[in-house]
Amino acid sequence: MKISKDSELSRVSIQNSKRESIRKPVDMDGFYNSGTGWHPCKIYDISTGGAALKLNQFFLEGDEILLRFGNNSSSEIFNTTVANVNGQRIGIRFKEDSTTKHLIEKIMSIY
């Protein structure tokens, strides 16, 4: 079966549109904990579904980490799962519940 270029592009576009929420570019500090204490990271985009981080530690997809936004004394701690890895940059997925979504929306409105 021959697939036209237009059909192939549509299929690729559909496959690449897994994202359920819109990403917002940010430049904010954060801290993560994978069981070895809190370490600084840079958060460079965020959505209600997850965030993209730059950090100095190696992770694998499926690893679970805790995340704090802003300074290390931030009271809110988010449970996350590593969704993808690209060197020092990782994508994380937030735990899906209405409280987390509300808190992330609040953080997004500030930045």
Protein backbone atom coordinates (compact mmCIF):
# COMPACT_ATOMS: atom_id res chain seq x y z
CA MET A 1 0.00 0.00 0.00
CA LYS A 2 1.36 3.41 -0.97
CA ILE A 3 0.92 6.28 1.49
CA SER A 4 0.86 9.77 0.09
CA LYS A 5 3.09 12.38 1.71
CA ASP A 6 0.02 14.30 2.95
CA SER A 7 -1.37 11.19 4.65
CA GLU A 8 2.01 10.41 6.16
CA LEU A 9 2.37 13.95 7.55
CA SER A 10 -1.11 13.78 9.07
CA ARG A 11 -0.29 10.46 10.72
CA VAL A 12 2.97 11.82 12.13
CA SER A 13 1.20 14.93 13.41
CA ILE A 14 -1.42 12.83 15.18
CA GLN A 15 1.24 10.60 16.74
CA ASN A 16 3.20 13.62 17.96
CA SER A 17 0.17 15.31 19.55
CA LYS A 18 0.07 13.13 22.68
CA ARG A 19 0.42 16.22 24.88
CA GLU A 20 -2.81 16.89 26.72
CA SER A 21 -1.94 20.34 28.05
CA ILE A 22 -0.17 23.38 26.68
CA ARG A 23 3.43 24.00 27.73
CA LYS A 24 4.42 27.40 29.08
CA PRO A 25 8.09 28.40 28.67
CA VAL A 26 9.56 29.52 32.00
CA ASP A 27 12.96 30.18 33.51
CA MET A 28 12.65 29.22 37.15
CA ASP A 29 14.69 27.55 39.81
CA GLY A 30 13.58 24.37 41.47
CA PHE A 31 14.79 21.51 43.61
CA TYR A 32 14.41 17.77 43.09
CA ASN A 33 14.88 14.77 45.35
CA SER A 34 15.35 11.24 44.10
CA GLY A 35 16.15 9.80 47.51
CA THR A 36 19.58 11.39 47.99
CA GLY A 37 18.49 14.79 49.31
CA TRP A 38 17.42 18.01 47.60
CA HIS A 39 19.41 19.21 44.57
CA PRO A 40 18.98 22.37 42.45
CA CYS A 41 17.53 22.22 38.93
CA LYS A 42 16.30 24.63 36.29
CA ILE A 43 12.68 24.40 35.11
CA TYR A 44 12.35 25.62 31.53
CA ASP A 45 8.78 24.75 30.69
CA ILE A 46 5.68 23.72 32.60
CA SER A 47 2.15 22.51 31.94
CA THR A 48 -0.56 21.05 34.12
CA GLY A 49 0.60 17.61 32.99
CA GLY A 50 4.33 17.97 33.63
CA ALA A 51 7.48 20.01 33.28
CA ALA A 52 10.87 20.04 31.61
CA LEU A 53 13.94 20.22 33.82
CA LYS A 54 17.65 20.66 33.36
CA LEU A 55 19.73 19.00 36.06
CA ASN A 56 23.03 17.31 36.81
CA GLN A 57 21.95 13.74 37.46
CA PHE A 58 21.19 10.76 35.26
CA PHE A 59 17.62 9.42 35.25
CA LEU A 60 15.71 6.74 33.39
CA GLU A 61 12.14 6.86 32.16
CA GLY A 62 9.86 5.71 34.96
CA ASP A 63 12.08 6.97 37.81
CA GLU A 64 10.14 8.80 40.49
CA ILE A 65 11.35 12.12 41.87
CA LEU A 66 10.00 14.84 44.15
CA LEU A 67 9.96 18.42 42.86
CA ARG A 68 9.77 21.82 44.53
CA PHE A 69 9.37 25.10 42.64
CA GLY A 70 11.34 28.18 43.66
CA ASN A 71 13.55 28.05 46.72
CA ASN A 72 14.36 24.95 48.73
CA SER A 73 11.99 25.95 51.52
CA SER A 74 8.93 25.88 49.26
CA SER A 75 6.12 24.13 51.11
CA GLU A 76 4.61 22.33 48.12
CA ILE A 77 6.27 19.08 47.08
CA PHE A 78 5.09 17.39 43.88
CA ASN A 79 5.34 13.66 43.16
CA THR A 80 6.53 13.15 39.60
CA THR A 81 7.60 10.42 37.21
CA VAL A 82 10.33 10.82 34.59
CA ALA A 83 8.60 10.64 31.20
CA ASN A 84 11.58 11.19 28.90
CA VAL A 85 15.31 11.78 29.07
CA ASN A 86 17.57 13.80 26.77
CA GLY A 87 20.97 14.08 28.45
CA GLN A 88 20.76 16.60 31.29
CA ARG A 89 17.22 17.53 30.27
CA ILE A 90 14.28 15.44 31.42
CA GLY A 91 10.53 15.63 31.05
CA ILE A 92 8.52 14.78 34.13
CA ARG A 93 4.85 13.94 34.56
CA PHE A 94 2.92 15.20 37.60
CA LYS A 95 0.69 12.93 39.64
CA GLU A 96 -2.77 13.36 38.14
CA ASP A 97 -5.25 14.76 40.64
CA SER A 98 -7.32 17.93 40.93
CA THR A 99 -5.25 19.38 43.81
CA THR A 100 -1.98 19.04 41.88
CA LYS A 101 -3.56 20.50 38.74
CA HIS A 102 -4.90 23.48 40.70
CA LEU A 103 -1.51 24.16 42.35
CA ILE A 104 0.32 23.92 38.99
CA GLU A 105 -2.17 26.32 37.39
CA LYS A 106 -1.49 28.75 40.25
CA ILE A 107 2.28 28.48 39.73
CA MET A 108 1.84 28.94 35.95
CA SER A 109 -0.17 32.14 36.50
CA ILE A 110 2.68 33.64 38.54
CA TYR A 111 5.43 32.98 35.99
